[in-house]
Amino acid sequence: MEGIRQMLLPEADLQVVAQANGGVQALELLKIHPHVRVVLLDLSMPGMSGIELARAIRAGWPDVRVLALSMFHDHTTVAEVLEAGGAGYVLKTATRTELSTAIRQVAAGGTYFSQDVADTLLQSQQIAAGLEAVRPPAITPREREILQLVAREHSNLEIAEALFISERTVETHRRNLLAKTNSKSVVGLIQYAIRHNLLT
């Protein structure tokens, strides 16, 4: 990861707080630096897998955003990262501009996927749903707001407080979104949102 540190040096607003050689060390460093906003997580690491580390970060530091870094972008790996709480996925071939953009977007509460990763998610959704030629269902403005907040890992309570509605109403909207988009999980909702440019 030293190469990443050097790559990001010209970005004055980004600070590399610490580097870890594995998952266990990363968790120890998070205890020392609890105010870290983004963990740039190399999926290929010794000992603990990147997916396991992402789950551990989500459980212990729910406010820390995880941005996965990998050479691969197969559907299984991308889906595992999202299910583990990853907020973004960047390929190791990313330029400094793309990487810094991804970090800023994820730190601001958004999501970021390299184009090849986004294409993988879209292709998987198209194959699974068989809906390429079908007109997408209408998403209401309120449902779009909730979809964006769900993609940013907000809980039902957080969404309810942000939109001044009840948790029950949020849950109803989530069920409707899953049904409308033919999705079974948050991963499916994110795939749908990427496909239809709803995360901007």
N, C-alpha and C. Protein backbone atom coordinates (compact mmCIF):
# COMPACT_ATOMS: atom_id res chain seq x y z
N MET A 1 0.82 -1.22 0.00
CA MET A 1 0.00 0.00 0.00
C MET A 1 0.86 1.27 0.00
N GLU A 2 2.17 1.11 0.10
CA GLU A 2 3.04 2.28 0.09
C GLU A 2 2.87 3.05 -1.22
N GLY A 3 2.65 2.30 -2.30
CA GLY A 3 2.43 2.94 -3.59
C GLY A 3 1.19 3.82 -3.58
N ILE A 4 0.15 3.39 -2.88
CA ILE A 4 -1.08 4.17 -2.75
C ILE A 4 -0.80 5.46 -1.98
N ARG A 5 -0.05 5.33 -0.89
CA ARG A 5 0.31 6.52 -0.10
C ARG A 5 1.01 7.55 -0.97
N GLN A 6 2.00 7.09 -1.75
CA GLN A 6 2.75 7.99 -2.62
C GLN A 6 1.84 8.60 -3.68
N MET A 7 0.91 7.80 -4.19
CA MET A 7 0.00 8.29 -5.22
C MET A 7 -0.88 9.41 -4.69
N LEU A 8 -1.27 9.31 -3.41
CA LEU A 8 -2.21 10.27 -2.85
C LEU A 8 -1.55 11.51 -2.24
N LEU A 9 -0.22 11.52 -2.17
CA LEU A 9 0.49 12.66 -1.55
C LEU A 9 0.10 14.01 -2.15
N PRO A 10 -0.08 14.11 -3.49
CA PRO A 10 -0.43 15.43 -4.04
C PRO A 10 -1.84 15.89 -3.68
N GLU A 11 -2.67 15.00 -3.15
CA GLU A 11 -4.05 15.37 -2.81
C GLU A 11 -4.06 15.96 -1.40
N ALA A 12 -4.03 17.29 -1.34
CA ALA A 12 -3.84 17.98 -0.05
C ALA A 12 -4.95 17.70 0.95
N ASP A 13 -6.16 17.40 0.49
CA ASP A 13 -7.27 17.20 1.41
C ASP A 13 -7.41 15.76 1.89
N LEU A 14 -6.53 14.86 1.40
CA LEU A 14 -6.57 13.47 1.80
C LEU A 14 -5.34 13.14 2.64
N GLN A 15 -5.56 12.52 3.78
CA GLN A 15 -4.44 12.17 4.66
C GLN A 15 -4.45 10.67 4.93
N VAL A 16 -3.32 10.01 4.65
CA VAL A 16 -3.16 8.60 4.98
C VAL A 16 -2.75 8.53 6.44
N VAL A 17 -3.65 8.09 7.31
CA VAL A 17 -3.41 8.07 8.75
C VAL A 17 -2.52 6.92 9.16
N ALA A 18 -2.73 5.74 8.56
CA ALA A 18 -1.95 4.56 8.94
C ALA A 18 -2.02 3.52 7.84
N GLN A 19 -1.07 2.58 7.88
CA GLN A 19 -1.04 1.47 6.94
C GLN A 19 -0.97 0.17 7.72
N ALA A 20 -1.67 -0.84 7.24
CA ALA A 20 -1.67 -2.15 7.91
C ALA A 20 -1.21 -3.22 6.94
N ASN A 21 -0.53 -4.22 7.48
CA ASN A 21 -0.05 -5.33 6.66
C ASN A 21 -1.01 -6.52 6.64
N GLY A 22 -2.12 -6.40 7.37
CA GLY A 22 -3.09 -7.48 7.41
C GLY A 22 -4.31 -7.05 8.18
N GLY A 23 -5.32 -7.92 8.20
CA GLY A 23 -6.58 -7.58 8.84
C GLY A 23 -6.47 -7.33 10.33
N VAL A 24 -5.74 -8.18 11.03
CA VAL A 24 -5.61 -8.05 12.48
C VAL A 24 -4.97 -6.71 12.83
N GLN A 25 -3.90 -6.37 12.11
CA GLN A 25 -3.23 -5.09 12.37
C GLN A 25 -4.15 -3.92 12.04
N ALA A 26 -4.94 -4.06 10.99
CA ALA A 26 -5.87 -2.99 10.61
C ALA A 26 -6.87 -2.71 11.73
N LEU A 27 -7.38 -3.77 12.35
CA LEU A 27 -8.33 -3.59 13.44
C LEU A 27 -7.67 -2.94 14.66
N GLU A 28 -6.42 -3.31 14.91
CA GLU A 28 -5.69 -2.68 16.02
C GLU A 28 -5.47 -1.20 15.75
N LEU A 29 -5.17 -0.87 14.50
CA LEU A 29 -4.94 0.54 14.15
C LEU A 29 -6.22 1.36 14.26
N LEU A 30 -7.35 0.72 13.96
CA LEU A 30 -8.62 1.44 14.08
C LEU A 30 -8.93 1.78 15.54
N LYS A 31 -8.45 0.95 16.46
CA LYS A 31 -8.63 1.26 17.88
C LYS A 31 -7.83 2.50 18.26
N ILE A 32 -6.67 2.66 17.62
CA ILE A 32 -5.80 3.81 17.90
C ILE A 32 -6.30 5.07 17.18
N HIS A 33 -6.88 4.85 15.99
CA HIS A 33 -7.35 5.98 15.17
C HIS A 33 -8.86 5.83 14.93
N PRO A 34 -9.69 6.01 15.95
CA PRO A 34 -11.13 5.77 15.81
C PRO A 34 -11.86 6.77 14.91
N HIS A 35 -11.18 7.87 14.56
CA HIS A 35 -11.85 8.89 13.75
C HIS A 35 -11.54 8.78 12.26
N VAL A 36 -10.94 7.66 11.87
CA VAL A 36 -10.71 7.42 10.44
C VAL A 36 -12.05 7.41 9.72
N ARG A 37 -12.12 8.03 8.56
CA ARG A 37 -13.39 8.11 7.84
C ARG A 37 -13.52 7.03 6.77
N VAL A 38 -12.38 6.67 6.14
CA VAL A 38 -12.43 5.67 5.07
C VAL A 38 -11.29 4.67 5.24
N VAL A 39 -11.60 3.39 5.11
CA VAL A 39 -10.58 2.35 5.06
C VAL A 39 -10.48 1.87 3.61
N LEU A 40 -9.31 2.04 3.01
CA LEU A 40 -9.05 1.53 1.67
C LEU A 40 -8.55 0.10 1.86
N LEU A 41 -9.37 -0.84 1.50
CA LEU A 41 -9.15 -2.23 1.88
C LEU A 41 -8.75 -3.07 0.67
N ASP A 42 -7.51 -3.56 0.70
CA ASP A 42 -7.02 -4.47 -0.35
C ASP A 42 -7.62 -5.85 -0.08
N LEU A 43 -8.40 -6.37 -1.02
CA LEU A 43 -9.06 -7.66 -0.79
C LEU A 43 -8.08 -8.82 -0.70
N SER A 44 -6.88 -8.64 -1.27
CA SER A 44 -5.86 -9.69 -1.21
C SER A 44 -4.88 -9.35 -0.10
N MET A 45 -5.05 -10.00 1.04
CA MET A 45 -4.16 -9.72 2.17
C MET A 45 -3.89 -11.01 2.93
N PRO A 46 -2.79 -11.07 3.63
CA PRO A 46 -2.47 -12.29 4.39
C PRO A 46 -3.38 -12.46 5.60
N GLY A 47 -3.61 -13.70 5.99
CA GLY A 47 -4.41 -13.97 7.18
C GLY A 47 -5.88 -13.73 6.91
N MET A 48 -6.47 -12.81 7.64
CA MET A 48 -7.89 -12.48 7.50
C MET A 48 -8.21 -11.99 6.08
N SER A 49 -9.27 -12.50 5.48
CA SER A 49 -9.63 -12.07 4.12
C SER A 49 -10.18 -10.65 4.15
N GLY A 50 -10.17 -10.00 2.99
CA GLY A 50 -10.70 -8.65 2.91
C GLY A 50 -12.17 -8.59 3.26
N ILE A 51 -12.93 -9.63 2.88
CA ILE A 51 -14.36 -9.68 3.18
C ILE A 51 -14.56 -9.78 4.69
N GLU A 52 -13.77 -10.62 5.35
CA GLU A 52 -13.87 -10.77 6.80
C GLU A 52 -13.54 -9.46 7.51
N LEU A 53 -12.53 -8.77 7.00
CA LEU A 53 -12.14 -7.49 7.60
C LEU A 53 -13.25 -6.46 7.42
N ALA A 54 -13.87 -6.44 6.24
CA ALA A 54 -14.97 -5.49 6.00
C ALA A 54 -16.11 -5.73 6.98
N ARG A 55 -16.43 -7.01 7.22
CA ARG A 55 -17.50 -7.34 8.17
C ARG A 55 -17.12 -6.89 9.59
N ALA A 56 -15.86 -7.10 9.95
CA ALA A 56 -15.39 -6.72 11.29
C ALA A 56 -15.45 -5.21 11.47
N ILE A 57 -15.07 -4.47 10.44
CA ILE A 57 -15.12 -3.01 10.51
C ILE A 57 -16.56 -2.54 10.65
N ARG A 58 -17.44 -3.14 9.89
CA ARG A 58 -18.85 -2.74 9.95
C ARG A 58 -19.42 -3.00 11.34
N ALA A 59 -19.01 -4.12 11.96
CA ALA A 59 -19.52 -4.48 13.28
C ALA A 59 -18.94 -3.59 14.38
N GLY A 60 -17.64 -3.30 14.29
CA GLY A 60 -16.98 -2.54 15.35
C GLY A 60 -16.94 -1.05 15.15
N TRP A 61 -16.93 -0.61 13.90
CA TRP A 61 -16.84 0.82 13.58
C TRP A 61 -17.84 1.15 12.48
N PRO A 62 -19.12 1.15 12.78
CA PRO A 62 -20.16 1.33 11.75
C PRO A 62 -20.08 2.66 11.00
N ASP A 63 -19.40 3.66 11.59
CA ASP A 63 -19.30 4.96 10.91
C ASP A 63 -18.13 5.02 9.92
N VAL A 64 -17.26 4.01 9.97
CA VAL A 64 -16.12 3.98 9.05
C VAL A 64 -16.57 3.40 7.72
N ARG A 65 -16.23 4.08 6.65
CA ARG A 65 -16.63 3.64 5.31
C ARG A 65 -15.52 2.77 4.71
N VAL A 66 -15.92 1.69 4.06
CA VAL A 66 -14.95 0.76 3.47
C VAL A 66 -14.97 0.88 1.95
N LEU A 67 -13.79 1.12 1.38
CA LEU A 67 -13.62 1.18 -0.07
C LEU A 67 -12.70 0.04 -0.47
N ALA A 68 -13.24 -0.93 -1.19
CA ALA A 68 -12.48 -2.12 -1.56
C ALA A 68 -11.58 -1.84 -2.76
N LEU A 69 -10.42 -2.47 -2.75
CA LEU A 69 -9.44 -2.33 -3.83
C LEU A 69 -9.05 -3.73 -4.29
N SER A 70 -9.16 -4.00 -5.58
CA SER A 70 -8.88 -5.35 -6.07
C SER A 70 -8.50 -5.34 -7.54
N MET A 71 -7.86 -6.43 -7.96
CA MET A 71 -7.56 -6.64 -9.39
C MET A 71 -8.76 -7.26 -10.09
N PHE A 72 -9.66 -7.86 -9.31
CA PHE A 72 -10.76 -8.63 -9.89
C PHE A 72 -12.10 -7.95 -9.67
N HIS A 73 -13.04 -8.21 -10.57
CA HIS A 73 -14.37 -7.61 -10.42
C HIS A 73 -15.47 -8.59 -10.84
N ASP A 74 -15.27 -9.88 -10.48
CA ASP A 74 -16.31 -10.86 -10.76
C ASP A 74 -17.51 -10.60 -9.85
N HIS A 75 -18.67 -11.05 -10.28
CA HIS A 75 -19.90 -10.75 -9.55
C HIS A 75 -19.87 -11.25 -8.11
N THR A 76 -19.36 -12.46 -7.91
CA THR A 76 -19.36 -13.05 -6.57
C THR A 76 -18.59 -12.18 -5.59
N THR A 77 -17.39 -11.74 -6.00
CA THR A 77 -16.56 -10.93 -5.11
C THR A 77 -17.20 -9.56 -4.84
N VAL A 78 -17.70 -8.94 -5.90
CA VAL A 78 -18.34 -7.62 -5.74
C VAL A 78 -19.55 -7.73 -4.82
N ALA A 79 -20.36 -8.77 -5.02
CA ALA A 79 -21.55 -8.95 -4.18
C ALA A 79 -21.16 -9.19 -2.73
N GLU A 80 -20.11 -9.95 -2.50
CA GLU A 80 -19.65 -10.21 -1.12
C GLU A 80 -19.20 -8.92 -0.44
N VAL A 81 -18.51 -8.07 -1.19
CA VAL A 81 -18.06 -6.78 -0.63
C VAL A 81 -19.26 -5.93 -0.22
N LEU A 82 -20.27 -5.87 -1.08
CA LEU A 82 -21.46 -5.08 -0.78
C LEU A 82 -22.21 -5.65 0.42
N GLU A 83 -22.35 -6.97 0.45
CA GLU A 83 -23.04 -7.61 1.57
C GLU A 83 -22.29 -7.39 2.88
N ALA A 84 -20.96 -7.27 2.79
CA ALA A 84 -20.14 -7.07 3.99
C ALA A 84 -20.14 -5.61 4.44
N GLY A 85 -20.81 -4.75 3.68
CA GLY A 85 -20.90 -3.35 4.08
C GLY A 85 -20.01 -2.40 3.31
N GLY A 86 -19.38 -2.88 2.24
CA GLY A 86 -18.52 -2.01 1.45
C GLY A 86 -19.31 -0.89 0.79
N ALA A 87 -18.74 0.31 0.77
CA ALA A 87 -19.41 1.46 0.17
C ALA A 87 -18.90 1.74 -1.23
N GLY A 88 -17.86 1.03 -1.64
CA GLY A 88 -17.31 1.26 -2.97
C GLY A 88 -16.33 0.17 -3.34
N TYR A 89 -15.97 0.15 -4.63
CA TYR A 89 -15.10 -0.92 -5.14
C TYR A 89 -14.30 -0.33 -6.30
N VAL A 90 -12.99 -0.26 -6.12
CA VAL A 90 -12.12 0.34 -7.13
C VAL A 90 -11.08 -0.69 -7.58
N LEU A 91 -10.79 -0.70 -8.85
CA LEU A 91 -9.78 -1.62 -9.37
C LEU A 91 -8.38 -1.06 -9.14
N LYS A 92 -7.41 -1.95 -9.04
CA LYS A 92 -6.03 -1.53 -8.77
C LYS A 92 -5.42 -0.78 -9.95
N THR A 93 -6.09 -0.83 -11.09
CA THR A 93 -5.62 -0.08 -12.27
C THR A 93 -6.10 1.37 -12.25
N ALA A 94 -6.82 1.75 -11.20
CA ALA A 94 -7.38 3.11 -11.12
C ALA A 94 -6.28 4.17 -11.12
N THR A 95 -6.56 5.27 -11.77
CA THR A 95 -5.63 6.41 -11.77
C THR A 95 -5.73 7.14 -10.43
N ARG A 96 -4.79 8.04 -10.18
CA ARG A 96 -4.85 8.84 -8.95
C ARG A 96 -6.14 9.65 -8.91
N THR A 97 -6.55 10.18 -10.04
CA THR A 97 -7.77 10.98 -10.09
C THR A 97 -8.98 10.16 -9.70
N GLU A 98 -9.08 8.94 -10.26
CA GLU A 98 -10.23 8.10 -9.94
C GLU A 98 -10.21 7.67 -8.48
N LEU A 99 -9.05 7.26 -7.98
CA LEU A 99 -8.95 6.79 -6.62
C LEU A 99 -9.30 7.90 -5.63
N SER A 100 -8.76 9.09 -5.85
CA SER A 100 -9.05 10.20 -4.94
C SER A 100 -10.52 10.59 -5.01
N THR A 101 -11.10 10.52 -6.20
CA THR A 101 -12.54 10.81 -6.35
C THR A 101 -13.36 9.79 -5.57
N ALA A 102 -12.98 8.52 -5.68
CA ALA A 102 -13.69 7.46 -4.98
C ALA A 102 -13.63 7.66 -3.47
N ILE A 103 -12.45 7.99 -2.97
CA ILE A 103 -12.28 8.19 -1.52
C ILE A 103 -13.15 9.36 -1.05
N ARG A 104 -13.14 10.45 -1.80
CA ARG A 104 -13.93 11.62 -1.41
C ARG A 104 -15.43 11.30 -1.41
N GLN A 105 -15.89 10.58 -2.45
CA GLN A 105 -17.31 10.27 -2.54
C GLN A 105 -17.75 9.36 -1.40
N VAL A 106 -16.94 8.36 -1.11
CA VAL A 106 -17.27 7.42 -0.04
C VAL A 106 -17.22 8.14 1.31
N ALA A 107 -16.22 8.99 1.51
CA ALA A 107 -16.10 9.74 2.77
C ALA A 107 -17.30 10.66 2.98
N ALA A 108 -17.87 11.15 1.89
CA ALA A 108 -19.01 12.06 1.98
C ALA A 108 -20.33 11.32 2.19
N GLY A 109 -20.26 9.99 2.27
CA GLY A 109 -21.47 9.21 2.50
C GLY A 109 -22.07 8.58 1.26
N GLY A 110 -21.38 8.76 0.12
CA GLY A 110 -21.87 8.18 -1.12
C GLY A 110 -21.26 6.83 -1.41
N THR A 111 -21.41 6.39 -2.63
CA THR A 111 -20.83 5.13 -3.08
C THR A 111 -20.01 5.39 -4.33
N TYR A 112 -19.08 4.48 -4.63
CA TYR A 112 -18.30 4.62 -5.85
C TYR A 112 -17.90 3.24 -6.37
N PHE A 113 -18.10 3.03 -7.66
CA PHE A 113 -17.70 1.78 -8.30
C PHE A 113 -16.97 2.10 -9.60
N SER A 114 -15.79 1.50 -9.78
CA SER A 114 -15.10 1.65 -11.05
C SER A 114 -16.04 1.18 -12.16
N GLN A 115 -15.85 1.70 -13.36
CA GLN A 115 -16.79 1.41 -14.44
C GLN A 115 -16.92 -0.09 -14.70
N ASP A 116 -15.81 -0.82 -14.69
CA ASP A 116 -15.87 -2.27 -14.92
C ASP A 116 -16.66 -2.97 -13.83
N VAL A 117 -16.54 -2.48 -12.60
CA VAL A 117 -17.28 -3.06 -11.48
C VAL A 117 -18.78 -2.79 -11.64
N ALA A 118 -19.11 -1.55 -12.00
CA ALA A 118 -20.51 -1.19 -12.23
C ALA A 118 -21.09 -2.04 -13.36
N ASP A 119 -20.30 -2.25 -14.42
CA ASP A 119 -20.76 -3.08 -15.54
C ASP A 119 -21.04 -4.51 -15.09
N THR A 120 -20.17 -5.03 -14.20
CA THR A 120 -20.37 -6.39 -13.68
C THR A 120 -21.70 -6.48 -12.93
N LEU A 121 -21.98 -5.48 -12.10
CA LEU A 121 -23.23 -5.48 -11.34
C LEU A 121 -24.44 -5.41 -12.27
N LEU A 122 -24.34 -4.58 -13.29
CA LEU A 122 -25.46 -4.42 -14.21
C LEU A 122 -25.69 -5.69 -15.02
N GLN A 123 -24.62 -6.29 -15.51
CA GLN A 123 -24.75 -7.52 -16.29
C GLN A 123 -25.37 -8.63 -15.45
N SER A 124 -24.95 -8.71 -14.19
CA SER A 124 -25.48 -9.75 -13.30
C SER A 124 -26.97 -9.54 -13.08
N GLN A 125 -27.36 -8.29 -12.91
CA GLN A 125 -28.77 -8.01 -12.69
C GLN A 125 -29.59 -8.34 -13.93
N GLN A 126 -29.06 -7.99 -15.09
CA GLN A 126 -29.78 -8.25 -16.34
C GLN A 126 -29.98 -9.74 -16.55
N ILE A 127 -28.92 -10.51 -16.28
CA ILE A 127 -29.00 -11.95 -16.47
C ILE A 127 -29.97 -12.57 -15.47
N ALA A 128 -29.86 -12.15 -14.21
CA ALA A 128 -30.69 -12.73 -13.16
C ALA A 128 -32.16 -12.37 -13.34
N ALA A 129 -32.44 -11.14 -13.70
CA ALA A 129 -33.82 -10.69 -13.78
C ALA A 129 -34.44 -10.90 -15.16
N GLY A 130 -33.59 -10.95 -16.19
CA GLY A 130 -34.11 -11.11 -17.54
C GLY A 130 -34.99 -9.96 -17.95
N LEU A 131 -34.63 -8.76 -17.52
CA LEU A 131 -35.50 -7.61 -17.73
C LEU A 131 -34.93 -6.57 -18.69
N GLU A 132 -34.01 -6.96 -19.54
CA GLU A 132 -33.33 -5.98 -20.39
C GLU A 132 -34.32 -5.23 -21.28
N ALA A 133 -35.34 -5.92 -21.74
CA ALA A 133 -36.27 -5.29 -22.68
C ALA A 133 -37.53 -4.79 -21.98
N VAL A 134 -37.56 -4.93 -20.65
CA VAL A 134 -38.76 -4.55 -19.91
C VAL A 134 -38.59 -3.14 -19.35
N ARG A 135 -39.62 -2.34 -19.50
CA ARG A 135 -39.56 -0.97 -18.97
C ARG A 135 -39.48 -1.01 -17.44
N PRO A 136 -38.54 -0.29 -16.86
CA PRO A 136 -38.40 -0.33 -15.39
C PRO A 136 -39.62 0.26 -14.71
N PRO A 137 -39.96 -0.24 -13.53
CA PRO A 137 -41.12 0.29 -12.81
C PRO A 137 -40.87 1.72 -12.35
N ALA A 138 -41.94 2.47 -12.19
CA ALA A 138 -41.81 3.87 -11.77
C ALA A 138 -41.41 3.92 -10.30
N ILE A 139 -40.37 4.68 -10.03
CA ILE A 139 -39.91 4.91 -8.66
C ILE A 139 -40.32 6.32 -8.27
N THR A 140 -41.04 6.45 -7.18
CA THR A 140 -41.50 7.77 -6.74
C THR A 140 -40.33 8.57 -6.18
N PRO A 141 -40.45 9.89 -6.13
CA PRO A 141 -39.37 10.71 -5.55
C PRO A 141 -39.01 10.28 -4.13
N ARG A 142 -40.03 9.94 -3.32
CA ARG A 142 -39.76 9.51 -1.94
C ARG A 142 -39.01 8.18 -1.94
N GLU A 143 -39.40 7.25 -2.82
CA GLU A 143 -38.71 5.97 -2.90
C GLU A 143 -37.26 6.16 -3.35
N ARG A 144 -37.05 7.11 -4.24
CA ARG A 144 -35.68 7.38 -4.69
C ARG A 144 -34.83 7.91 -3.53
N GLU A 145 -35.40 8.79 -2.73
CA GLU A 145 -34.67 9.30 -1.55
C GLU A 145 -34.28 8.15 -0.63
N ILE A 146 -35.23 7.28 -0.39
CA ILE A 146 -34.98 6.15 0.52
C ILE A 146 -33.97 5.20 -0.09
N LEU A 147 -34.07 4.95 -1.39
CA LEU A 147 -33.12 4.07 -2.07
C LEU A 147 -31.70 4.60 -1.93
N GLN A 148 -31.53 5.90 -2.09
CA GLN A 148 -30.20 6.50 -1.96
C GLN A 148 -29.65 6.35 -0.54
N LEU A 149 -30.52 6.52 0.45
CA LEU A 149 -30.08 6.39 1.85
C LEU A 149 -29.80 4.94 2.21
N VAL A 150 -30.57 4.02 1.67
CA VAL A 150 -30.31 2.59 1.89
C VAL A 150 -28.96 2.22 1.31
N ALA A 151 -28.66 2.74 0.12
CA ALA A 151 -27.37 2.45 -0.53
C ALA A 151 -26.21 3.01 0.28
N ARG A 152 -26.48 4.02 1.10
CA ARG A 152 -25.43 4.61 1.94
C ARG A 152 -25.41 3.99 3.34
N GLU A 153 -26.12 2.85 3.47
CA GLU A 153 -26.09 2.04 4.69
C GLU A 153 -26.78 2.69 5.88
N HIS A 154 -27.72 3.59 5.65
CA HIS A 154 -28.46 4.17 6.75
C HIS A 154 -29.50 3.18 7.25
N SER A 155 -29.71 3.14 8.56
CA SER A 155 -30.72 2.26 9.14
C SER A 155 -32.11 2.85 8.91
N ASN A 156 -33.14 2.04 9.17
CA ASN A 156 -34.51 2.54 9.04
C ASN A 156 -34.75 3.74 9.94
N LEU A 157 -34.20 3.68 11.17
CA LEU A 157 -34.39 4.79 12.11
C LEU A 157 -33.71 6.06 11.58
N GLU A 158 -32.49 5.92 11.08
CA GLU A 158 -31.77 7.08 10.54
C GLU A 158 -32.50 7.68 9.35
N ILE A 159 -33.05 6.82 8.48
CA ILE A 159 -33.80 7.30 7.32
C ILE A 159 -35.06 8.01 7.78
N ALA A 160 -35.74 7.42 8.76
CA ALA A 160 -36.97 8.03 9.28
C ALA A 160 -36.70 9.42 9.84
N GLU A 161 -35.61 9.54 10.59
CA GLU A 161 -35.28 10.84 11.19
C GLU A 161 -34.87 11.85 10.13
N ALA A 162 -34.16 11.39 9.11
CA ALA A 162 -33.71 12.30 8.06
C ALA A 162 -34.87 12.82 7.21
N LEU A 163 -35.88 11.98 7.01
CA LEU A 163 -36.99 12.35 6.13
C LEU A 163 -38.26 12.74 6.91
N PHE A 164 -38.17 12.73 8.25
CA PHE A 164 -39.29 13.11 9.11
C PHE A 164 -40.52 12.24 8.86
N ILE A 165 -40.29 10.93 8.79
CA ILE A 165 -41.37 9.97 8.65
C ILE A 165 -41.15 8.86 9.68
N SER A 166 -42.11 7.97 9.81
CA SER A 166 -42.00 6.90 10.80
C SER A 166 -41.15 5.74 10.27
N GLU A 167 -40.60 4.95 11.21
CA GLU A 167 -39.84 3.77 10.81
C GLU A 167 -40.72 2.80 10.03
N ARG A 168 -41.98 2.70 10.44
CA ARG A 168 -42.89 1.79 9.73
C ARG A 168 -43.07 2.21 8.28
N THR A 169 -43.15 3.51 8.06
CA THR A 169 -43.29 4.01 6.69
C THR A 169 -42.03 3.69 5.88
N VAL A 170 -40.86 3.84 6.50
CA VAL A 170 -39.61 3.50 5.83
C VAL A 170 -39.60 2.02 5.45
N GLU A 171 -40.01 1.17 6.39
CA GLU A 171 -40.02 -0.27 6.14
C GLU A 171 -40.97 -0.60 4.98
N THR A 172 -42.11 0.08 4.93
CA THR A 172 -43.07 -0.13 3.83
C THR A 172 -42.44 0.25 2.50
N HIS A 173 -41.77 1.40 2.48
CA HIS A 173 -41.11 1.84 1.24
C HIS A 173 -40.02 0.85 0.82
N ARG A 174 -39.26 0.32 1.80
CA ARG A 174 -38.20 -0.64 1.48
C ARG A 174 -38.80 -1.90 0.86
N ARG A 175 -39.90 -2.38 1.43
CA ARG A 175 -40.56 -3.57 0.87
C ARG A 175 -41.05 -3.30 -0.55
N ASN A 176 -41.62 -2.11 -0.74
CA ASN A 176 -42.10 -1.76 -2.08
C ASN A 176 -40.96 -1.69 -3.08
N LEU A 177 -39.81 -1.13 -2.64
CA LEU A 177 -38.65 -1.03 -3.52
C LEU A 177 -38.13 -2.41 -3.91
N LEU A 178 -38.05 -3.31 -2.93
CA LEU A 178 -37.58 -4.67 -3.22
C LEU A 178 -38.51 -5.34 -4.23
N ALA A 179 -39.82 -5.13 -4.06
CA ALA A 179 -40.79 -5.75 -4.97
C ALA A 179 -40.71 -5.12 -6.37
N LYS A 180 -40.67 -3.78 -6.41
CA LYS A 180 -40.64 -3.08 -7.69
C LYS A 180 -39.39 -3.41 -8.52
N THR A 181 -38.26 -3.53 -7.82
CA THR A 181 -36.99 -3.75 -8.52
C THR A 181 -36.64 -5.22 -8.65
N ASN A 182 -37.52 -6.08 -8.16
CA ASN A 182 -37.28 -7.52 -8.21
C ASN A 182 -35.97 -7.88 -7.51
N SER A 183 -35.73 -7.22 -6.38
CA SER A 183 -34.49 -7.43 -5.63
C SER A 183 -34.77 -8.23 -4.36
N LYS A 184 -33.75 -8.96 -3.91
CA LYS A 184 -33.89 -9.76 -2.69
C LYS A 184 -33.09 -9.19 -1.52
N SER A 185 -32.24 -8.20 -1.80
CA SER A 185 -31.38 -7.68 -0.76
C SER A 185 -30.92 -6.27 -1.12
N VAL A 186 -30.11 -5.68 -0.23
CA VAL A 186 -29.54 -4.36 -0.49
C VAL A 186 -28.65 -4.38 -1.74
N VAL A 187 -27.95 -5.50 -1.95
CA VAL A 187 -27.11 -5.62 -3.14
C VAL A 187 -27.95 -5.44 -4.40
N GLY A 188 -29.10 -6.09 -4.42
CA GLY A 188 -29.99 -5.96 -5.57
C GLY A 188 -30.47 -4.53 -5.77
N LEU A 189 -30.76 -3.85 -4.67
CA LEU A 189 -31.20 -2.46 -4.76
C LEU A 189 -30.09 -1.57 -5.30
N ILE A 190 -28.85 -1.82 -4.85
CA ILE A 190 -27.72 -1.03 -5.35
C ILE A 190 -27.50 -1.29 -6.84
N GLN A 191 -27.63 -2.56 -7.24
CA GLN A 191 -27.51 -2.89 -8.67
C GLN A 191 -28.54 -2.11 -9.47
N TYR A 192 -29.77 -2.10 -8.98
CA TYR A 192 -30.84 -1.39 -9.67
C TYR A 192 -30.55 0.11 -9.73
N ALA A 193 -30.10 0.66 -8.61
CA ALA A 193 -29.82 2.09 -8.55
C ALA A 193 -28.71 2.48 -9.52
N ILE A 194 -27.67 1.64 -9.63
CA ILE A 194 -26.59 1.92 -10.58
C ILE A 194 -27.11 1.85 -12.01
N ARG A 195 -27.89 0.81 -12.28
CA ARG A 195 -28.43 0.60 -13.63
C ARG A 195 -29.23 1.80 -14.11
N HIS A 196 -29.94 2.42 -13.19
CA HIS A 196 -30.85 3.52 -13.59
C HIS A 196 -30.37 4.89 -13.11
N ASN A 197 -29.06 4.97 -12.77
CA ASN A 197 -28.48 6.27 -12.39
C ASN A 197 -29.23 6.96 -11.26
N LEU A 198 -29.54 6.22 -10.21
CA LEU A 198 -30.32 6.78 -9.11
C LEU A 198 -29.46 7.17 -7.91
N LEU A 199 -28.15 6.97 -7.99
CA LEU A 199 -27.27 7.27 -6.85
C LEU A 199 -26.63 8.64 -6.96
N THR A 200 -26.92 9.36 -8.01
CA THR A 200 -26.31 10.68 -8.20
C THR A 200 -27.09 11.73 -7.43
